[in-house]
Amino acid sequence: MEHFVVGIIRGTHGLGGNCKVESTSGEFQHFAGMKDVVLRKNGIESKRTIEKVSFGNGILYIKFSGVNSPEEAKKFSGSEIVVSREFACPCGKDEYYVEDLKQCHLVYGGGKAKGLAEKTAPASGEPVVVGTITDVLEGGAGDLFEVVLSESCDLLSQELRTTSSGKPRKVLVPFKKEFIGTVDIRNKQVQLMHLWILE
């Protein structure tokens, strides 16, 4: 079963053990249908039952069963709230779950290539895998794909593909329309528009 991070506990509220929660999607309504969730912090997971969900001034508050004081609630600050896909907020147009983007191949060229990617695409017309997305990170100017470069990609030099110790190199690619074209979750492919961003 697929699981998704839908919120992050950012602090406490009041004296009754309520937690202030940041919704990762920016939406709140889907929290009302949740009951059993997993809280994850520093790689440690614990199951919790939601007792009450409330909203106020654009802020989401959650009360977990058995958490009855600010001191108890504070222990969960920084925890991710993890649920199965059925309880996650539905994605809108051009929105994707981080978990769906992970392990997608970053490809260059192909039938739907545009602009520079079309002009410098491989002659075969088939997209070439230049790397694999391993995570999506928050950056100051937007989200960044963490990409492990493919060791077998002939479009990149050996020096670019690997570190000095011979391991596959990791790079960060901005998730912006200037650099990323078609996102095909079904086929696990994300199109790169410019090779130079990998340098």
C-alpha atoms as a PDB file:
ATOM      1  CA  MET A   1       0.000   0.000   0.000  1.00  0.00           C
ATOM      2  CA  GLU A   2       1.332   3.446  -0.908  1.00  0.00           C
ATOM      3  CA  HIS A   3       1.780   5.996   1.856  1.00  0.00           C
ATOM      4  CA  PHE A   4       2.098   9.766   1.642  1.00  0.00           C
ATOM      5  CA  VAL A   5       3.176  12.606   3.910  1.00  0.00           C
ATOM      6  CA  VAL A   6       0.103  14.859   4.194  1.00  0.00           C
ATOM      7  CA  GLY A   7       1.159  17.141   7.020  1.00  0.00           C
ATOM      8  CA  ILE A   8       3.958  18.230   9.327  1.00  0.00           C
ATOM      9  CA  ILE A   9       3.402  19.059  12.998  1.00  0.00           C
ATOM     10  CA  ARG A  10       4.780  22.556  13.565  1.00  0.00           C
ATOM     11  CA  GLY A  11       3.986  23.128  17.234  1.00  0.00           C
ATOM     12  CA  THR A  12       1.321  23.085  19.933  1.00  0.00           C
ATOM     13  CA  HIS A  13      -1.885  25.062  20.482  1.00  0.00           C
ATOM     14  CA  GLY A  14      -3.677  25.719  23.758  1.00  0.00           C
ATOM     15  CA  LEU A  15      -3.584  23.672  26.925  1.00  0.00           C
ATOM     16  CA  GLY A  16      -5.463  20.563  25.745  1.00  0.00           C
ATOM     17  CA  GLY A  17      -2.708  18.867  23.744  1.00  0.00           C
ATOM     18  CA  ASN A  18      -3.651  20.163  20.283  1.00  0.00           C
ATOM     19  CA  CYS A  19      -1.004  20.185  17.559  1.00  0.00           C
ATOM     20  CA  LYS A  20      -0.576  22.889  14.909  1.00  0.00           C
ATOM     21  CA  VAL A  21      -0.235  21.174  11.542  1.00  0.00           C
ATOM     22  CA  GLU A  22       1.063  22.382   8.198  1.00  0.00           C
ATOM     23  CA  SER A  23      -0.751  20.642   5.334  1.00  0.00           C
ATOM     24  CA  THR A  24       1.769  19.657   2.644  1.00  0.00           C
ATOM     25  CA  SER A  25      -0.871  20.241  -0.046  1.00  0.00           C
ATOM     26  CA  GLY A  26      -2.161  23.509   1.410  1.00  0.00           C
ATOM     27  CA  GLU A  27      -5.631  21.922   1.657  1.00  0.00           C
ATOM     28  CA  PHE A  28      -7.364  21.010   4.928  1.00  0.00           C
ATOM     29  CA  GLN A  29     -10.675  19.279   4.231  1.00  0.00           C
ATOM     30  CA  HIS A  30      -9.243  15.787   3.636  1.00  0.00           C
ATOM     31  CA  PHE A  31      -7.988  15.683   7.252  1.00  0.00           C
ATOM     32  CA  ALA A  32     -11.588  15.527   8.485  1.00  0.00           C
ATOM     33  CA  GLY A  33     -11.916  11.943   7.177  1.00  0.00           C
ATOM     34  CA  MET A  34      -8.748  10.629   8.807  1.00  0.00           C
ATOM     35  CA  LYS A  35      -8.714   8.456  11.899  1.00  0.00           C
ATOM     36  CA  ASP A  36      -5.604   6.297  12.209  1.00  0.00           C
ATOM     37  CA  VAL A  37      -2.341   7.836  11.018  1.00  0.00           C
ATOM     38  CA  VAL A  38       1.382   7.243  11.378  1.00  0.00           C
ATOM     39  CA  LEU A  39       3.631   9.930  12.851  1.00  0.00           C
ATOM     40  CA  ARG A  40       7.210   9.776  11.569  1.00  0.00           C
ATOM     41  CA  LYS A  41      10.164  11.659  13.032  1.00  0.00           C
ATOM     42  CA  ASN A  42      13.885  10.935  12.597  1.00  0.00           C
ATOM     43  CA  GLY A  43      13.034   7.607  10.970  1.00  0.00           C
ATOM     44  CA  ILE A  44      10.927   6.424  13.926  1.00  0.00           C
ATOM     45  CA  GLU A  45       7.227   5.747  13.312  1.00  0.00           C
ATOM     46  CA  SER A  46       4.336   5.531  15.763  1.00  0.00           C
ATOM     47  CA  LYS A  47       0.637   4.918  15.129  1.00  0.00           C
ATOM     48  CA  ARG A  48      -1.790   7.530  16.437  1.00  0.00           C
ATOM     49  CA  THR A  49      -5.554   8.008  16.386  1.00  0.00           C
ATOM     50  CA  ILE A  50      -6.991  11.413  15.535  1.00  0.00           C
ATOM     51  CA  GLU A  51      -9.570  12.510  18.088  1.00  0.00           C
ATOM     52  CA  LYS A  52     -10.476  15.900  16.632  1.00  0.00           C
ATOM     53  CA  VAL A  53      -9.655  18.102  13.631  1.00  0.00           C
ATOM     54  CA  SER A  54     -10.360  21.847  13.545  1.00  0.00           C
ATOM     55  CA  PHE A  55      -9.477  24.830  11.371  1.00  0.00           C
ATOM     56  CA  GLY A  56      -9.037  28.478  12.240  1.00  0.00           C
ATOM     57  CA  ASN A  57      -7.466  31.482  10.510  1.00  0.00           C
ATOM     58  CA  GLY A  58      -5.966  29.250   7.822  1.00  0.00           C
ATOM     59  CA  ILE A  59      -4.357  26.960  10.417  1.00  0.00           C
ATOM     60  CA  LEU A  60      -5.065  23.272  10.958  1.00  0.00           C
ATOM     61  CA  TYR A  61      -5.250  21.863  14.500  1.00  0.00           C
ATOM     62  CA  ILE A  62      -5.262  18.153  15.328  1.00  0.00           C
ATOM     63  CA  LYS A  63      -5.896  16.502  18.688  1.00  0.00           C
ATOM     64  CA  PHE A  64      -4.502  12.980  18.986  1.00  0.00           C
ATOM     65  CA  SER A  65      -6.000  10.458  21.441  1.00  0.00           C
ATOM     66  CA  GLY A  66      -3.977  10.192  24.638  1.00  0.00           C
ATOM     67  CA  VAL A  67      -2.213  13.527  24.096  1.00  0.00           C
ATOM     68  CA  ASN A  68      -3.705  15.867  26.684  1.00  0.00           C
ATOM     69  CA  SER A  69      -1.134  18.542  27.472  1.00  0.00           C
ATOM     70  CA  PRO A  70       1.152  20.965  25.600  1.00  0.00           C
ATOM     71  CA  GLU A  71       4.160  19.046  26.945  1.00  0.00           C
ATOM     72  CA  GLU A  72       2.911  15.765  25.441  1.00  0.00           C
ATOM     73  CA  ALA A  73       2.014  17.462  22.142  1.00  0.00           C
ATOM     74  CA  LYS A  74       5.420  19.156  21.919  1.00  0.00           C
ATOM     75  CA  LYS A  75       7.111  15.738  21.644  1.00  0.00           C
ATOM     76  CA  PHE A  76       5.543  15.364  18.180  1.00  0.00           C
ATOM     77  CA  SER A  77       6.743  18.729  16.854  1.00  0.00           C
ATOM     78  CA  GLY A  78       8.528  18.141  13.536  1.00  0.00           C
ATOM     79  CA  SER A  79       6.766  14.814  12.922  1.00  0.00           C
ATOM     80  CA  GLU A  80       5.365  13.969   9.501  1.00  0.00           C
ATOM     81  CA  ILE A  81       1.780  12.721   9.286  1.00  0.00           C
ATOM     82  CA  VAL A  82       1.704   9.702   6.974  1.00  0.00           C
ATOM     83  CA  VAL A  83      -1.464   8.147   5.510  1.00  0.00           C
ATOM     84  CA  SER A  84      -2.441   5.760   2.729  1.00  0.00           C
ATOM     85  CA  ARG A  85      -3.289   7.202  -0.696  1.00  0.00           C
ATOM     86  CA  GLU A  86      -7.058   7.055  -0.092  1.00  0.00           C
ATOM     87  CA  PHE A  87      -6.771   9.718   2.634  1.00  0.00           C
ATOM     88  CA  ALA A  88      -4.334  11.990   0.806  1.00  0.00           C
ATOM     89  CA  CYS A  89      -5.611  15.166  -0.828  1.00  0.00           C
ATOM     90  CA  PRO A  90      -6.481  14.649  -4.522  1.00  0.00           C
ATOM     91  CA  CYS A  91      -3.913  16.270  -6.792  1.00  0.00           C
ATOM     92  CA  GLY A  92      -4.931  19.164  -9.020  1.00  0.00           C
ATOM     93  CA  LYS A  93      -3.627  19.907 -12.507  1.00  0.00           C
ATOM     94  CA  ASP A  94       0.185  19.855 -12.627  1.00  0.00           C
ATOM     95  CA  GLU A  95       0.355  18.702  -8.978  1.00  0.00           C
ATOM     96  CA  TYR A  96       2.090  15.491  -7.950  1.00  0.00           C
ATOM     97  CA  TYR A  97       2.781  13.516  -4.813  1.00  0.00           C
ATOM     98  CA  VAL A  98       6.480  13.439  -3.899  1.00  0.00           C
ATOM     99  CA  GLU A  99       6.212   9.657  -3.524  1.00  0.00           C
ATOM    100  CA  ASP A 100       4.960   9.384  -7.125  1.00  0.00           C
ATOM    101  CA  LEU A 101       7.889  11.455  -8.413  1.00  0.00           C
ATOM    102  CA  LYS A 102      10.479   9.390  -6.570  1.00  0.00           C
ATOM    103  CA  GLN A 103      12.069   6.716  -8.748  1.00  0.00           C
ATOM    104  CA  CYS A 104      10.850   8.370 -11.951  1.00  0.00           C
ATOM    105  CA  HIS A 105      13.471   8.383 -14.698  1.00  0.00           C
ATOM    106  CA  LEU A 106      14.683  11.816 -15.742  1.00  0.00           C
ATOM    107  CA  VAL A 107      14.757  11.589 -19.540  1.00  0.00           C
ATOM    108  CA  TYR A 108      16.104  13.834 -22.291  1.00  0.00           C
ATOM    109  CA  GLY A 109      14.664  14.009 -25.799  1.00  0.00           C
ATOM    110  CA  GLY A 110      11.860  11.836 -27.111  1.00  0.00           C
ATOM    111  CA  GLY A 111       8.710  12.373 -29.158  1.00  0.00           C
ATOM    112  CA  LYS A 112       7.314  15.177 -26.992  1.00  0.00           C
ATOM    113  CA  ALA A 113      10.579  17.117 -26.693  1.00  0.00           C
ATOM    114  CA  LYS A 114      10.332  20.865 -27.251  1.00  0.00           C
ATOM    115  CA  GLY A 115      12.767  23.689 -27.954  1.00  0.00           C
ATOM    116  CA  LEU A 116      16.416  22.941 -27.252  1.00  0.00           C
ATOM    117  CA  ALA A 117      15.612  19.420 -26.048  1.00  0.00           C
ATOM    118  CA  GLU A 118      14.132  18.693 -29.483  1.00  0.00           C
ATOM    119  CA  LYS A 119      17.105  20.151 -31.385  1.00  0.00           C
ATOM    120  CA  THR A 120      19.742  18.249 -29.408  1.00  0.00           C
ATOM    121  CA  ALA A 121      17.764  15.059 -28.824  1.00  0.00           C
ATOM    122  CA  PRO A 122      19.281  11.696 -29.775  1.00  0.00           C
ATOM    123  CA  ALA A 123      18.810  10.753 -33.438  1.00  0.00           C
ATOM    124  CA  SER A 124      16.805   7.649 -32.471  1.00  0.00           C
ATOM    125  CA  GLY A 125      13.939   9.853 -31.333  1.00  0.00           C
ATOM    126  CA  GLU A 126      13.706   7.799 -28.134  1.00  0.00           C
ATOM    127  CA  PRO A 127      14.147   9.550 -24.787  1.00  0.00           C
ATOM    128  CA  VAL A 128      17.454   8.816 -23.048  1.00  0.00           C
ATOM    129  CA  VAL A 129      17.516   8.189 -19.295  1.00  0.00           C
ATOM    130  CA  VAL A 130      19.966  10.683 -17.770  1.00  0.00           C
ATOM    131  CA  GLY A 131      19.153   9.902 -14.135  1.00  0.00           C
ATOM    132  CA  THR A 132      16.648   8.813 -11.511  1.00  0.00           C
ATOM    133  CA  ILE A 133      14.740  11.125  -9.163  1.00  0.00           C
ATOM    134  CA  THR A 134      15.399   9.975  -5.597  1.00  0.00           C
ATOM    135  CA  ASP A 135      13.733  12.801  -3.664  1.00  0.00           C
ATOM    136  CA  VAL A 136      12.043  16.191  -3.909  1.00  0.00           C
ATOM    137  CA  LEU A 137      13.492  18.892  -1.663  1.00  0.00           C
ATOM    138  CA  GLU A 138      12.189  22.305  -0.680  1.00  0.00           C
ATOM    139  CA  GLY A 139      14.393  25.107  -1.969  1.00  0.00           C
ATOM    140  CA  GLY A 140      14.235  28.853  -1.443  1.00  0.00           C
ATOM    141  CA  ALA A 141      12.893  29.466  -4.948  1.00  0.00           C
ATOM    142  CA  GLY A 142      10.804  26.282  -5.257  1.00  0.00           C
ATOM    143  CA  ASP A 143      11.059  22.507  -5.237  1.00  0.00           C
ATOM    144  CA  LEU A 144      14.205  20.714  -6.366  1.00  0.00           C
ATOM    145  CA  PHE A 145      14.546  17.197  -7.768  1.00  0.00           C
ATOM    146  CA  GLU A 146      17.397  15.227  -6.229  1.00  0.00           C
ATOM    147  CA  VAL A 147      18.687  13.158  -9.159  1.00  0.00           C
ATOM    148  CA  VAL A 148      21.221  10.335  -9.250  1.00  0.00           C
ATOM    149  CA  LEU A 149      22.827  10.500 -12.687  1.00  0.00           C
ATOM    150  CA  SER A 150      22.834   7.405 -14.883  1.00  0.00           C
ATOM    151  CA  GLU A 151      26.265   5.790 -15.244  1.00  0.00           C
ATOM    152  CA  SER A 152      25.358   4.512 -18.711  1.00  0.00           C
ATOM    153  CA  CYS A 153      24.142   7.783 -20.276  1.00  0.00           C
ATOM    154  CA  ASP A 154      26.328   8.586 -23.313  1.00  0.00           C
ATOM    155  CA  LEU A 155      24.990  12.154 -23.465  1.00  0.00           C
ATOM    156  CA  LEU A 156      26.976  12.971 -20.308  1.00  0.00           C
ATOM    157  CA  SER A 157      30.742  12.743 -19.877  1.00  0.00           C
ATOM    158  CA  GLN A 158      32.139  10.148 -17.487  1.00  0.00           C
ATOM    159  CA  GLU A 159      33.425  12.980 -15.268  1.00  0.00           C
ATOM    160  CA  LEU A 160      29.913  14.413 -15.054  1.00  0.00           C
ATOM    161  CA  ARG A 161      28.206  11.084 -14.347  1.00  0.00           C
ATOM    162  CA  THR A 162      30.412   9.957 -11.461  1.00  0.00           C
ATOM    163  CA  THR A 163      32.217  11.397  -8.454  1.00  0.00           C
ATOM    164  CA  SER A 164      35.998  11.237  -8.028  1.00  0.00           C
ATOM    165  CA  SER A 165      35.479   8.004  -6.072  1.00  0.00           C
ATOM    166  CA  GLY A 166      33.582   6.473  -9.002  1.00  0.00           C
ATOM    167  CA  LYS A 167      30.094   6.595  -7.469  1.00  0.00           C
ATOM    168  CA  PRO A 168      27.067   7.950  -9.376  1.00  0.00           C
ATOM    169  CA  ARG A 169      26.846  11.712  -8.881  1.00  0.00           C
ATOM    170  CA  LYS A 170      23.799  13.435  -7.350  1.00  0.00           C
ATOM    171  CA  VAL A 171      22.560  16.758  -8.693  1.00  0.00           C
ATOM    172  CA  LEU A 172      19.658  19.082  -7.914  1.00  0.00           C
ATOM    173  CA  VAL A 173      17.319  20.123 -10.728  1.00  0.00           C
ATOM    174  CA  PRO A 174      14.751  22.915 -10.214  1.00  0.00           C
ATOM    175  CA  PHE A 175      11.177  21.687 -10.729  1.00  0.00           C
ATOM    176  CA  LYS A 176      10.302  24.615 -12.998  1.00  0.00           C
ATOM    177  CA  LYS A 177       8.788  24.671 -16.477  1.00  0.00           C
ATOM    178  CA  GLU A 178      12.007  26.151 -17.915  1.00  0.00           C
ATOM    179  CA  PHE A 179      13.845  22.946 -17.002  1.00  0.00           C
ATOM    180  CA  ILE A 180      11.140  20.270 -16.745  1.00  0.00           C
ATOM    181  CA  GLY A 181       8.760  19.357 -19.578  1.00  0.00           C
ATOM    182  CA  THR A 182       6.279  16.481 -19.558  1.00  0.00           C
ATOM    183  CA  VAL A 183       5.708  14.646 -16.269  1.00  0.00           C
ATOM    184  CA  ASP A 184       4.403  11.131 -16.974  1.00  0.00           C
ATOM    185  CA  ILE A 185       3.712   9.456 -13.635  1.00  0.00           C
ATOM    186  CA  ARG A 186       2.116   6.396 -15.230  1.00  0.00           C
ATOM    187  CA  ASN A 187       5.287   5.571 -17.185  1.00  0.00           C
ATOM    188  CA  LYS A 188       7.587   6.922 -14.439  1.00  0.00           C
ATOM    189  CA  GLN A 189       9.235   9.470 -16.737  1.00  0.00           C
ATOM    190  CA  VAL A 190       9.996  13.164 -16.216  1.00  0.00           C
ATOM    191  CA  GLN A 191      11.342  15.132 -19.175  1.00  0.00           C
ATOM    192  CA  LEU A 192      14.449  17.300 -18.805  1.00  0.00           C
ATOM    193  CA  MET A 193      14.555  20.320 -21.110  1.00  0.00           C
ATOM    194  CA  HIS A 194      18.256  21.263 -20.855  1.00  0.00           C
ATOM    195  CA  LEU A 195      21.271  19.012 -20.295  1.00  0.00           C
ATOM    196  CA  TRP A 196      23.442  21.873 -19.032  1.00  0.00           C
ATOM    197  CA  ILE A 197      21.456  22.028 -15.778  1.00  0.00           C
ATOM    198  CA  LEU A 198      23.156  18.736 -14.799  1.00  0.00           C
ATOM    199  CA  GLU A 199      26.670  20.237 -14.934  1.00  0.00           C
END
